[in-house]
Amino acid sequence: MTVLSITDIFGPGASQTAANFTIAKSDLPTLTAKPDNNGEQLLVAIILAAANKLTDANRTNNDDQRVTLAYGGQTVYPGSGGKNESQHSFTITLHKPVPAEVVDADDY
């Protein structure tokens, strides 16, 4: 199989140089692109984009895929001020041949 490119995971507007990594906001799911999106909005949109491609099923079909990102579901619980809050969880799993004593981004 093949190692996933940045455009495979983050869309056709993703690019990189030796110093920078750029993702087009228009390629990020559910994000309304604005000049002042906050960091949390951008992080969640990046997680959602990656979760669409880095699935367990895709890894089963691609031995070169080393990262999986799975949606764990939603939990609703009482929040502050008497309002319910929703908690969504994701699990990121890094697969590496043994021995894997440390997490090193260059291995994935």
PDB file of N, CA and C in Angstrom:
ATOM      1  N   MET A   1       0.847  -1.173   0.000  1.00  0.00           N
ATOM      2  CA  MET A   1       0.000   0.000   0.000  1.00  0.00           C
ATOM      3  C   MET A   1       0.899   1.246   0.000  1.00  0.00           C
ATOM      4  N   THR A   2       0.290   2.379   0.231  1.00  0.00           N
ATOM      5  CA  THR A   2       1.065   3.617   0.202  1.00  0.00           C
ATOM      6  C   THR A   2       0.842   4.435   1.469  1.00  0.00           C
ATOM      7  N   VAL A   3       1.861   5.190   1.812  1.00  0.00           N
ATOM      8  CA  VAL A   3       1.760   6.107   2.936  1.00  0.00           C
ATOM      9  C   VAL A   3       0.818   7.233   2.529  1.00  0.00           C
ATOM     10  N   LEU A   4      -0.069   7.631   3.430  1.00  0.00           N
ATOM     11  CA  LEU A   4      -1.030   8.683   3.125  1.00  0.00           C
ATOM     12  C   LEU A   4      -0.328  10.038   3.030  1.00  0.00           C
ATOM     13  N   SER A   5      -0.695  10.808   2.025  1.00  0.00           N
ATOM     14  CA  SER A   5      -0.127  12.145   1.874  1.00  0.00           C
ATOM     15  C   SER A   5      -0.931  13.139   2.707  1.00  0.00           C
ATOM     16  N   ILE A   6      -0.414  14.346   2.846  1.00  0.00           N
ATOM     17  CA  ILE A   6      -1.163  15.351   3.607  1.00  0.00           C
ATOM     18  C   ILE A   6      -2.465  15.710   2.906  1.00  0.00           C
ATOM     19  N   THR A   7      -2.495  15.652   1.574  1.00  0.00           N
ATOM     20  CA  THR A   7      -3.753  15.949   0.874  1.00  0.00           C
ATOM     21  C   THR A   7      -4.749  14.806   1.021  1.00  0.00           C
ATOM     22  N   ASP A   8      -4.258  13.575   1.193  1.00  0.00           N
ATOM     23  CA  ASP A   8      -5.172  12.454   1.464  1.00  0.00           C
ATOM     24  C   ASP A   8      -5.936  12.683   2.760  1.00  0.00           C
ATOM     25  N   ILE A   9      -5.255  13.218   3.756  1.00  0.00           N
ATOM     26  CA  ILE A   9      -5.860  13.382   5.075  1.00  0.00           C
ATOM     27  C   ILE A   9      -6.548  14.734   5.233  1.00  0.00           C
ATOM     28  N   PHE A  10      -5.903  15.811   4.781  1.00  0.00           N
ATOM     29  CA  PHE A  10      -6.395  17.164   5.054  1.00  0.00           C
ATOM     30  C   PHE A  10      -6.989  17.882   3.853  1.00  0.00           C
ATOM     31  N   GLY A  11      -7.090  17.224   2.704  1.00  0.00           N
ATOM     32  CA  GLY A  11      -7.741  17.819   1.550  1.00  0.00           C
ATOM     33  C   GLY A  11      -6.771  18.410   0.543  1.00  0.00           C
ATOM     34  N   PRO A  12      -7.286  18.737  -0.631  1.00  0.00           N
ATOM     35  CA  PRO A  12      -6.432  19.198  -1.734  1.00  0.00           C
ATOM     36  C   PRO A  12      -5.740  20.531  -1.475  1.00  0.00           C
ATOM     37  N   GLY A  13      -6.216  21.298  -0.508  1.00  0.00           N
ATOM     38  CA  GLY A  13      -5.594  22.583  -0.204  1.00  0.00           C
ATOM     39  C   GLY A  13      -4.450  22.498   0.789  1.00  0.00           C
ATOM     40  N   ALA A  14      -4.100  21.287   1.218  1.00  0.00           N
ATOM     41  CA  ALA A  14      -2.989  21.126   2.162  1.00  0.00           C
ATOM     42  C   ALA A  14      -1.662  21.144   1.407  1.00  0.00           C
ATOM     43  N   SER A  15      -0.687  21.804   2.002  1.00  0.00           N
ATOM     44  CA  SER A  15       0.650  21.858   1.393  1.00  0.00           C
ATOM     45  C   SER A  15       1.697  22.005   2.494  1.00  0.00           C
ATOM     46  N   GLN A  16       2.944  21.797   2.106  1.00  0.00           N
ATOM     47  CA  GLN A  16       4.010  21.950   3.082  1.00  0.00           C
ATOM     48  C   GLN A  16       5.315  22.360   2.414  1.00  0.00           C
ATOM     49  N   THR A  17       6.131  23.008   3.198  1.00  0.00           N
ATOM     50  CA  THR A  17       7.513  23.314   2.844  1.00  0.00           C
ATOM     51  C   THR A  17       8.361  22.767   3.982  1.00  0.00           C
ATOM     52  N   ALA A  18       9.643  23.012   3.933  1.00  0.00           N
ATOM     53  CA  ALA A  18      10.507  22.556   5.021  1.00  0.00           C
ATOM     54  C   ALA A  18      10.146  23.239   6.340  1.00  0.00           C
ATOM     55  N   ALA A  19       9.553  24.423   6.274  1.00  0.00           N
ATOM     56  CA  ALA A  19       9.279  25.200   7.488  1.00  0.00           C
ATOM     57  C   ALA A  19       7.805  25.313   7.849  1.00  0.00           C
ATOM     58  N   ASN A  20       6.894  25.111   6.895  1.00  0.00           N
ATOM     59  CA  ASN A  20       5.473  25.374   7.158  1.00  0.00           C
ATOM     60  C   ASN A  20       4.577  24.255   6.656  1.00  0.00           C
ATOM     61  N   PHE A  21       3.449  24.118   7.338  1.00  0.00           N
ATOM     62  CA  PHE A  21       2.393  23.176   6.970  1.00  0.00           C
ATOM     63  C   PHE A  21       1.112  23.991   6.875  1.00  0.00           C
ATOM     64  N   THR A  22       0.428  23.941   5.744  1.00  0.00           N
ATOM     65  CA  THR A  22      -0.767  24.754   5.521  1.00  0.00           C
ATOM     66  C   THR A  22      -1.945  23.854   5.183  1.00  0.00           C
ATOM     67  N   ILE A  23      -3.080  24.129   5.806  1.00  0.00           N
ATOM     68  CA  ILE A  23      -4.329  23.427   5.519  1.00  0.00           C
ATOM     69  C   ILE A  23      -5.347  24.480   5.110  1.00  0.00           C
ATOM     70  N   ALA A  24      -6.037  24.278   4.006  1.00  0.00           N
ATOM     71  CA  ALA A  24      -7.079  25.199   3.579  1.00  0.00           C
ATOM     72  C   ALA A  24      -8.299  25.024   4.478  1.00  0.00           C
ATOM     73  N   LYS A  25      -8.776  26.096   5.038  1.00  0.00           N
ATOM     74  CA  LYS A  25      -9.963  26.020   5.902  1.00  0.00           C
ATOM     75  C   LYS A  25     -11.153  25.439   5.147  1.00  0.00           C
ATOM     76  N   SER A  26     -11.233  25.694   3.862  1.00  0.00           N
ATOM     77  CA  SER A  26     -12.352  25.186   3.065  1.00  0.00           C
ATOM     78  C   SER A  26     -12.356  23.662   2.971  1.00  0.00           C
ATOM     79  N   ASP A  27     -11.235  23.018   3.261  1.00  0.00           N
ATOM     80  CA  ASP A  27     -11.155  21.553   3.233  1.00  0.00           C
ATOM     81  C   ASP A  27     -11.517  20.920   4.569  1.00  0.00           C
ATOM     82  N   LEU A  28     -11.743  21.728   5.584  1.00  0.00           N
ATOM     83  CA  LEU A  28     -12.022  21.192   6.919  1.00  0.00           C
ATOM     84  C   LEU A  28     -13.525  21.063   7.147  1.00  0.00           C
ATOM     85  N   PRO A  29     -13.980  19.848   7.492  1.00  0.00           N
ATOM     86  CA  PRO A  29     -15.416  19.623   7.644  1.00  0.00           C
ATOM     87  C   PRO A  29     -16.018  20.416   8.798  1.00  0.00           C
ATOM     88  N   THR A  30     -17.188  20.904   8.580  1.00  0.00           N
ATOM     89  CA  THR A  30     -18.055  21.630   9.518  1.00  0.00           C
ATOM     90  C   THR A  30     -17.535  23.002   9.913  1.00  0.00           C
ATOM     91  N   LEU A  31     -16.349  23.383   9.475  1.00  0.00           N
ATOM     92  CA  LEU A  31     -15.789  24.673   9.863  1.00  0.00           C
ATOM     93  C   LEU A  31     -16.327  25.774   8.953  1.00  0.00           C
ATOM     94  N   THR A  32     -16.839  26.834   9.557  1.00  0.00           N
ATOM     95  CA  THR A  32     -17.158  28.043   8.804  1.00  0.00           C
ATOM     96  C   THR A  32     -15.896  28.888   8.806  1.00  0.00           C
ATOM     97  N   ALA A  33     -15.279  28.987   7.639  1.00  0.00           N
ATOM     98  CA  ALA A  33     -13.994  29.689   7.539  1.00  0.00           C
ATOM     99  C   ALA A  33     -14.195  31.186   7.728  1.00  0.00           C
ATOM    100  N   LYS A  34     -13.495  31.728   8.721  1.00  0.00           N
ATOM    101  CA  LYS A  34     -13.526  33.157   9.021  1.00  0.00           C
ATOM    102  C   LYS A  34     -12.091  33.616   9.267  1.00  0.00           C
ATOM    103  N   PRO A  35     -11.830  34.904   9.145  1.00  0.00           N
ATOM    104  CA  PRO A  35     -10.475  35.380   9.398  1.00  0.00           C
ATOM    105  C   PRO A  35     -10.053  35.244  10.857  1.00  0.00           C
ATOM    106  N   ASP A  36     -11.015  35.033  11.755  1.00  0.00           N
ATOM    107  CA  ASP A  36     -10.682  34.968  13.173  1.00  0.00           C
ATOM    108  C   ASP A  36     -11.141  33.679  13.850  1.00  0.00           C
ATOM    109  N   ASN A  37     -11.115  32.528  13.107  1.00  0.00           N
ATOM    110  CA  ASN A  37     -11.429  31.257  13.761  1.00  0.00           C
ATOM    111  C   ASN A  37     -10.485  31.064  14.937  1.00  0.00           C
ATOM    112  N   ASN A  38     -11.031  30.555  16.047  1.00  0.00           N
ATOM    113  CA  ASN A  38     -10.160  30.360  17.211  1.00  0.00           C
ATOM    114  C   ASN A  38      -9.446  29.010  17.126  1.00  0.00           C
ATOM    115  N   GLY A  39      -8.466  28.836  17.984  1.00  0.00           N
ATOM    116  CA  GLY A  39      -7.651  27.631  17.973  1.00  0.00           C
ATOM    117  C   GLY A  39      -8.441  26.357  18.198  1.00  0.00           C
ATOM    118  N   GLU A  40      -9.425  26.395  19.087  1.00  0.00           N
ATOM    119  CA  GLU A  40     -10.219  25.197  19.352  1.00  0.00           C
ATOM    120  C   GLU A  40     -11.047  24.817  18.133  1.00  0.00           C
ATOM    121  N   GLN A  41     -11.640  25.794  17.448  1.00  0.00           N
ATOM    122  CA  GLN A  41     -12.405  25.509  16.233  1.00  0.00           C
ATOM    123  C   GLN A  41     -11.520  24.821  15.201  1.00  0.00           C
ATOM    124  N   LEU A  42     -10.321  25.360  15.017  1.00  0.00           N
ATOM    125  CA  LEU A  42      -9.406  24.802  14.027  1.00  0.00           C
ATOM    126  C   LEU A  42      -8.949  23.406  14.412  1.00  0.00           C
ATOM    127  N   LEU A  43      -8.645  23.196  15.681  1.00  0.00           N
ATOM    128  CA  LEU A  43      -8.223  21.871  16.125  1.00  0.00           C
ATOM    129  C   LEU A  43      -9.325  20.839  15.918  1.00  0.00           C
ATOM    130  N   VAL A  44     -10.557  21.172  16.292  1.00  0.00           N
ATOM    131  CA  VAL A  44     -11.672  20.235  16.113  1.00  0.00           C
ATOM    132  C   VAL A  44     -11.871  19.933  14.635  1.00  0.00           C
ATOM    133  N   ALA A  45     -11.786  20.932  13.781  1.00  0.00           N
ATOM    134  CA  ALA A  45     -11.950  20.708  12.343  1.00  0.00           C
ATOM    135  C   ALA A  45     -10.842  19.808  11.799  1.00  0.00           C
ATOM    136  N   ILE A  46      -9.617  19.972  12.284  1.00  0.00           N
ATOM    137  CA  ILE A  46      -8.506  19.118  11.861  1.00  0.00           C
ATOM    138  C   ILE A  46      -8.742  17.684  12.334  1.00  0.00           C
ATOM    139  N   ILE A  47      -9.206  17.515  13.562  1.00  0.00           N
ATOM    140  CA  ILE A  47      -9.511  16.174  14.083  1.00  0.00           C
ATOM    141  C   ILE A  47     -10.586  15.507  13.238  1.00  0.00           C
ATOM    142  N   LEU A  48     -11.637  16.259  12.906  1.00  0.00           N
ATOM    143  CA  LEU A  48     -12.721  15.692  12.094  1.00  0.00           C
ATOM    144  C   LEU A  48     -12.227  15.298  10.714  1.00  0.00           C
ATOM    145  N   ALA A  49     -11.371  16.118  10.108  1.00  0.00           N
ATOM    146  CA  ALA A  49     -10.827  15.792   8.792  1.00  0.00           C
ATOM    147  C   ALA A  49     -10.001  14.513   8.864  1.00  0.00           C
ATOM    148  N   ALA A  50      -9.153  14.413   9.864  1.00  0.00           N
ATOM    149  CA  ALA A  50      -8.311  13.229  10.013  1.00  0.00           C
ATOM    150  C   ALA A  50      -9.151  11.993  10.322  1.00  0.00           C
ATOM    151  N   ALA A  51     -10.186  12.143  11.148  1.00  0.00           N
ATOM    152  CA  ALA A  51     -11.037  11.007  11.521  1.00  0.00           C
ATOM    153  C   ALA A  51     -11.744  10.411  10.311  1.00  0.00           C
ATOM    154  N   ASN A  52     -12.023  11.236   9.300  1.00  0.00           N
ATOM    155  CA  ASN A  52     -12.681  10.730   8.085  1.00  0.00           C
ATOM    156  C   ASN A  52     -11.787   9.780   7.307  1.00  0.00           C
ATOM    157  N   LYS A  53     -10.482   9.945   7.391  1.00  0.00           N
ATOM    158  CA  LYS A  53      -9.554   9.141   6.602  1.00  0.00           C
ATOM    159  C   LYS A  53      -8.807   8.094   7.426  1.00  0.00           C
ATOM    160  N   LEU A  54      -8.478   8.409   8.666  1.00  0.00           N
ATOM    161  CA  LEU A  54      -7.642   7.524   9.480  1.00  0.00           C
ATOM    162  C   LEU A  54      -8.480   6.540  10.293  1.00  0.00           C
ATOM    163  N   THR A  55      -9.301   5.778   9.606  1.00  0.00           N
ATOM    164  CA  THR A  55     -10.204   4.831  10.261  1.00  0.00           C
ATOM    165  C   THR A  55      -9.528   3.472  10.442  1.00  0.00           C
ATOM    166  N   ASP A  56     -10.074   2.683  11.354  1.00  0.00           N
ATOM    167  CA  ASP A  56      -9.589   1.312  11.532  1.00  0.00           C
ATOM    168  C   ASP A  56      -9.790   0.514  10.248  1.00  0.00           C
ATOM    169  N   ALA A  57     -10.926   0.718   9.581  1.00  0.00           N
ATOM    170  CA  ALA A  57     -11.195  -0.010   8.339  1.00  0.00           C
ATOM    171  C   ALA A  57     -10.172   0.331   7.262  1.00  0.00           C
ATOM    172  N   ASN A  58      -9.824   1.607   7.140  1.00  0.00           N
ATOM    173  CA  ASN A  58      -8.814   1.985   6.152  1.00  0.00           C
ATOM    174  C   ASN A  58      -7.453   1.401   6.502  1.00  0.00           C
ATOM    175  N   ARG A  59      -7.136   1.334   7.786  1.00  0.00           N
ATOM    176  CA  ARG A  59      -5.851   0.746   8.197  1.00  0.00           C
ATOM    177  C   ARG A  59      -5.809  -0.740   7.875  1.00  0.00           C
ATOM    178  N   THR A  60      -6.940  -1.420   8.014  1.00  0.00           N
ATOM    179  CA  THR A  60      -7.001  -2.840   7.682  1.00  0.00           C
ATOM    180  C   THR A  60      -6.624  -3.067   6.216  1.00  0.00           C
ATOM    181  N   ASN A  61      -6.987  -2.110   5.361  1.00  0.00           N
ATOM    182  CA  ASN A  61      -6.710  -2.223   3.927  1.00  0.00           C
ATOM    183  C   ASN A  61      -5.391  -1.598   3.511  1.00  0.00           C
ATOM    184  N   ASN A  62      -4.678  -0.960   4.440  1.00  0.00           N
ATOM    185  CA  ASN A  62      -3.436  -0.266   4.105  1.00  0.00           C
ATOM    186  C   ASN A  62      -2.414  -0.483   5.215  1.00  0.00           C
ATOM    187  N   ASP A  63      -1.489  -1.391   4.982  1.00  0.00           N
ATOM    188  CA  ASP A  63      -0.470  -1.704   5.988  1.00  0.00           C
ATOM    189  C   ASP A  63       0.441  -0.528   6.298  1.00  0.00           C
ATOM    190  N   ASP A  64       0.496   0.466   5.408  1.00  0.00           N
ATOM    191  CA  ASP A  64       1.355   1.627   5.633  1.00  0.00           C
ATOM    192  C   ASP A  64       0.716   2.686   6.518  1.00  0.00           C
ATOM    193  N   GLN A  65      -0.588   2.580   6.786  1.00  0.00           N
ATOM    194  CA  GLN A  65      -1.252   3.542   7.669  1.00  0.00           C
ATOM    195  C   GLN A  65      -0.887   3.208   9.107  1.00  0.00           C
ATOM    196  N   ARG A  66      -0.296   4.153   9.809  1.00  0.00           N
ATOM    197  CA  ARG A  66       0.196   3.915  11.166  1.00  0.00           C
ATOM    198  C   ARG A  66      -0.618   4.620  12.246  1.00  0.00           C
ATOM    199  N   VAL A  67      -1.585   5.436  11.863  1.00  0.00           N
ATOM    200  CA  VAL A  67      -2.377   6.193  12.831  1.00  0.00           C
ATOM    201  C   VAL A  67      -3.854   5.920  12.576  1.00  0.00           C
ATOM    202  N   THR A  68      -4.600   5.664  13.649  1.00  0.00           N
ATOM    203  CA  THR A  68      -6.060   5.588  13.537  1.00  0.00           C
ATOM    204  C   THR A  68      -6.673   6.600  14.498  1.00  0.00           C
ATOM    205  N   LEU A  69      -7.807   7.117  14.099  1.00  0.00           N
ATOM    206  CA  LEU A  69      -8.531   8.106  14.886  1.00  0.00           C
ATOM    207  C   LEU A  69      -9.993   7.686  14.877  1.00  0.00           C
ATOM    208  N   ALA A  70     -10.519   7.360  16.041  1.00  0.00           N
ATOM    209  CA  ALA A  70     -11.870   6.814  16.124  1.00  0.00           C
ATOM    210  C   ALA A  70     -12.748   7.673  17.027  1.00  0.00           C
ATOM    211  N   TYR A  71     -13.965   7.926  16.568  1.00  0.00           N
ATOM    212  CA  TYR A  71     -14.955   8.636  17.364  1.00  0.00           C
ATOM    213  C   TYR A  71     -15.507   7.673  18.400  1.00  0.00           C
ATOM    214  N   GLY A  72     -15.442   8.072  19.671  1.00  0.00           N
ATOM    215  CA  GLY A  72     -15.876   7.207  20.760  1.00  0.00           C
ATOM    216  C   GLY A  72     -17.312   7.407  21.197  1.00  0.00           C
ATOM    217  N   GLY A  73     -17.959   8.431  20.687  1.00  0.00           N
ATOM    218  CA  GLY A  73     -19.349   8.651  21.035  1.00  0.00           C
ATOM    219  C   GLY A  73     -19.569   9.909  21.847  1.00  0.00           C
ATOM    220  N   GLN A  74     -20.815  10.092  22.221  1.00  0.00           N
ATOM    221  CA  GLN A  74     -21.257  11.293  22.925  1.00  0.00           C
ATOM    222  C   GLN A  74     -21.798  10.911  24.297  1.00  0.00           C
ATOM    223  N   THR A  75     -21.483  11.715  25.278  1.00  0.00           N
ATOM    224  CA  THR A  75     -22.032  11.581  26.626  1.00  0.00           C
ATOM    225  C   THR A  75     -22.650  12.926  26.989  1.00  0.00           C
ATOM    226  N   VAL A  76     -23.875  12.893  27.507  1.00  0.00           N
ATOM    227  CA  VAL A  76     -24.534  14.113  27.963  1.00  0.00           C
ATOM    228  C   VAL A  76     -24.572  14.062  29.478  1.00  0.00           C
ATOM    229  N   TYR A  77     -24.184  15.166  30.095  1.00  0.00           N
ATOM    230  CA  TYR A  77     -24.136  15.210  31.552  1.00  0.00           C
ATOM    231  C   TYR A  77     -24.521  16.603  32.026  1.00  0.00           C
ATOM    232  N   PRO A  78     -24.945  16.730  33.290  1.00  0.00           N
ATOM    233  CA  PRO A  78     -25.311  18.048  33.811  1.00  0.00           C
ATOM    234  C   PRO A  78     -24.088  18.957  33.875  1.00  0.00           C
ATOM    235  N   GLY A  79     -24.229  20.132  33.329  1.00  0.00           N
ATOM    236  CA  GLY A  79     -23.146  21.104  33.359  1.00  0.00           C
ATOM    237  C   GLY A  79     -23.421  22.205  34.354  1.00  0.00           C
ATOM    238  N   SER A  80     -22.584  23.181  34.333  1.00  0.00           N
ATOM    239  CA  SER A  80     -22.767  24.304  35.251  1.00  0.00           C
ATOM    240  C   SER A  80     -23.974  25.131  34.847  1.00  0.00           C
ATOM    241  N   GLY A  81     -24.592  25.770  35.804  1.00  0.00           N
ATOM    242  CA  GLY A  81     -25.743  26.611  35.533  1.00  0.00           C
ATOM    243  C   GLY A  81     -26.996  25.840  35.175  1.00  0.00           C
ATOM    244  N   GLY A  82     -27.026  24.537  35.475  1.00  0.00           N
ATOM    245  CA  GLY A  82     -28.217  23.739  35.211  1.00  0.00           C
ATOM    246  C   GLY A  82     -28.408  23.359  33.755  1.00  0.00           C
ATOM    247  N   LYS A  83     -27.444  23.634  32.905  1.00  0.00           N
ATOM    248  CA  LYS A  83     -27.547  23.279  31.486  1.00  0.00           C
ATOM    249  C   LYS A  83     -26.772  21.995  31.227  1.00  0.00           C
ATOM    250  N   ASN A  84     -27.366  21.122  30.430  1.00  0.00           N
ATOM    251  CA  ASN A  84     -26.665  19.902  30.059  1.00  0.00           C
ATOM    252  C   ASN A  84     -25.517  20.236  29.114  1.00  0.00           C
ATOM    253  N   GLU A  85     -24.448  19.473  29.232  1.00  0.00           N
ATOM    254  CA  GLU A  85     -23.311  19.605  28.329  1.00  0.00           C
ATOM    255  C   GLU A  85     -23.103  18.282  27.611  1.00  0.00           C
ATOM    256  N   SER A  86     -22.559  18.383  26.414  1.00  0.00           N
ATOM    257  CA  SER A  86     -22.300  17.223  25.591  1.00  0.00           C
ATOM    258  C   SER A  86     -20.791  17.017  25.498  1.00  0.00           C
ATOM    259  N   GLN A  87     -20.351  15.808  25.739  1.00  0.00           N
ATOM    260  CA  GLN A  87     -18.933  15.478  25.635  1.00  0.00           C
ATOM    261  C   GLN A  87     -18.750  14.459  24.519  1.00  0.00           C
ATOM    262  N   HIS A  88     -17.914  14.794  23.548  1.00  0.00           N
ATOM    263  CA  HIS A  88     -17.599  13.890  22.435  1.00  0.00           C
ATOM    264  C   HIS A  88     -16.155  13.440  22.607  1.00  0.00           C
ATOM    265  N   SER A  89     -15.900  12.152  22.429  1.00  0.00           N
ATOM    266  CA  SER A  89     -14.538  11.654  22.629  1.00  0.00           C
ATOM    267  C   SER A  89     -14.004  11.000  21.362  1.00  0.00           C
ATOM    268  N   PHE A  90     -12.708  11.147  21.178  1.00  0.00           N
ATOM    269  CA  PHE A  90     -11.983  10.523  20.077  1.00  0.00           C
ATOM    270  C   PHE A  90     -10.794   9.785  20.671  1.00  0.00           C
ATOM    271  N   THR A  91     -10.430   8.688  20.046  1.00  0.00           N
ATOM    272  CA  THR A  91      -9.246   7.940  20.451  1.00  0.00           C
ATOM    273  C   THR A  91      -8.254   7.951  19.299  1.00  0.00           C
ATOM    274  N   ILE A  92      -7.042   8.391  19.592  1.00  0.00           N
ATOM    275  CA  ILE A  92      -5.963   8.360  18.608  1.00  0.00           C
ATOM    276  C   ILE A  92      -5.059   7.202  18.980  1.00  0.00           C
ATOM    277  N   THR A  93      -4.802   6.309  18.015  1.00  0.00           N
ATOM    278  CA  THR A  93      -3.929   5.174  18.251  1.00  0.00           C
ATOM    279  C   THR A  93      -2.774   5.230  17.265  1.00  0.00           C
ATOM    280  N   LEU A  94      -1.564   5.146  17.806  1.00  0.00           N
ATOM    281  CA  LEU A  94      -0.348   5.161  16.996  1.00  0.00           C
ATOM    282  C   LEU A  94       0.190   3.740  16.924  1.00  0.00           C
ATOM    283  N   HIS A  95       0.287   3.198  15.720  1.00  0.00           N
ATOM    284  CA  HIS A  95       0.753   1.829  15.502  1.00  0.00           C
ATOM    285  C   HIS A  95       2.198   1.883  15.025  1.00  0.00           C
ATOM    286  N   LYS A  96       3.057   1.121  15.691  1.00  0.00           N
ATOM    287  CA  LYS A  96       4.476   1.132  15.348  1.00  0.00           C
ATOM    288  C   LYS A  96       5.045  -0.256  15.605  1.00  0.00           C
ATOM    289  N   PRO A  97       5.881  -0.746  14.697  1.00  0.00           N
ATOM    290  CA  PRO A  97       6.514  -2.034  14.966  1.00  0.00           C
ATOM    291  C   PRO A  97       7.343  -1.964  16.248  1.00  0.00           C
ATOM    292  N   VAL A  98       7.413  -3.060  16.963  1.00  0.00           N
ATOM    293  CA  VAL A  98       8.164  -3.097  18.208  1.00  0.00           C
ATOM    294  C   VAL A  98       9.655  -3.122  17.913  1.00  0.00           C
ATOM    295  N   PRO A  99      10.523  -2.650  18.782  1.00  0.00           N
ATOM    296  CA  PRO A  99      10.179  -2.023  20.046  1.00  0.00           C
ATOM    297  C   PRO A  99       9.760  -0.574  19.837  1.00  0.00           C
ATOM    298  N   ALA A 100       8.753  -0.173  20.576  1.00  0.00           N
ATOM    299  CA  ALA A 100       8.230   1.188  20.468  1.00  0.00           C
ATOM    300  C   ALA A 100       8.276   1.828  21.847  1.00  0.00           C
ATOM    301  N   GLU A 101       9.446   2.244  22.246  1.00  0.00           N
ATOM    302  CA  GLU A 101       9.621   2.755  23.596  1.00  0.00           C
ATOM    303  C   GLU A 101       9.228   4.228  23.723  1.00  0.00           C
ATOM    304  N   VAL A 102       9.310   4.974  22.631  1.00  0.00           N
ATOM    305  CA  VAL A 102       8.973   6.395  22.678  1.00  0.00           C
ATOM    306  C   VAL A 102       8.100   6.742  21.481  1.00  0.00           C
ATOM    307  N   VAL A 103       7.355   7.819  21.601  1.00  0.00           N
ATOM    308  CA  VAL A 103       6.563   8.326  20.482  1.00  0.00           C
ATOM    309  C   VAL A 103       7.417   9.368  19.756  1.00  0.00           C
ATOM    310  N   ASP A 104       7.692   9.103  18.496  1.00  0.00           N
ATOM    311  CA  ASP A 104       8.489   9.995  17.664  1.00  0.00           C
ATOM    312  C   ASP A 104       7.701  10.248  16.383  1.00  0.00           C
ATOM    313  N   ALA A 105       7.340  11.496  16.129  1.00  0.00           N
ATOM    314  CA  ALA A 105       6.526  11.834  14.949  1.00  0.00           C
ATOM    315  C   ALA A 105       7.154  11.339  13.657  1.00  0.00           C
ATOM    316  N   ASP A 106       8.463  11.268  13.591  1.00  0.00           N
ATOM    317  CA  ASP A 106       9.136  10.832  12.372  1.00  0.00           C
ATOM    318  C   ASP A 106       8.881   9.353  12.058  1.00  0.00           C
ATOM    319  N   ASP A 107       8.367   8.585  13.006  1.00  0.00           N
ATOM    320  CA  ASP A 107       8.096   7.163  12.785  1.00  0.00           C
ATOM    321  C   ASP A 107       6.752   6.907  12.122  1.00  0.00           C
ATOM    322  N   TYR A 108       5.958   7.939  11.946  1.00  0.00           N
ATOM    323  CA  TYR A 108       4.597   7.724  11.436  1.00  0.00           C
ATOM    324  C   TYR A 108       4.392   8.370  10.092  1.00  0.00           C
TER     325      TYR A 108
END
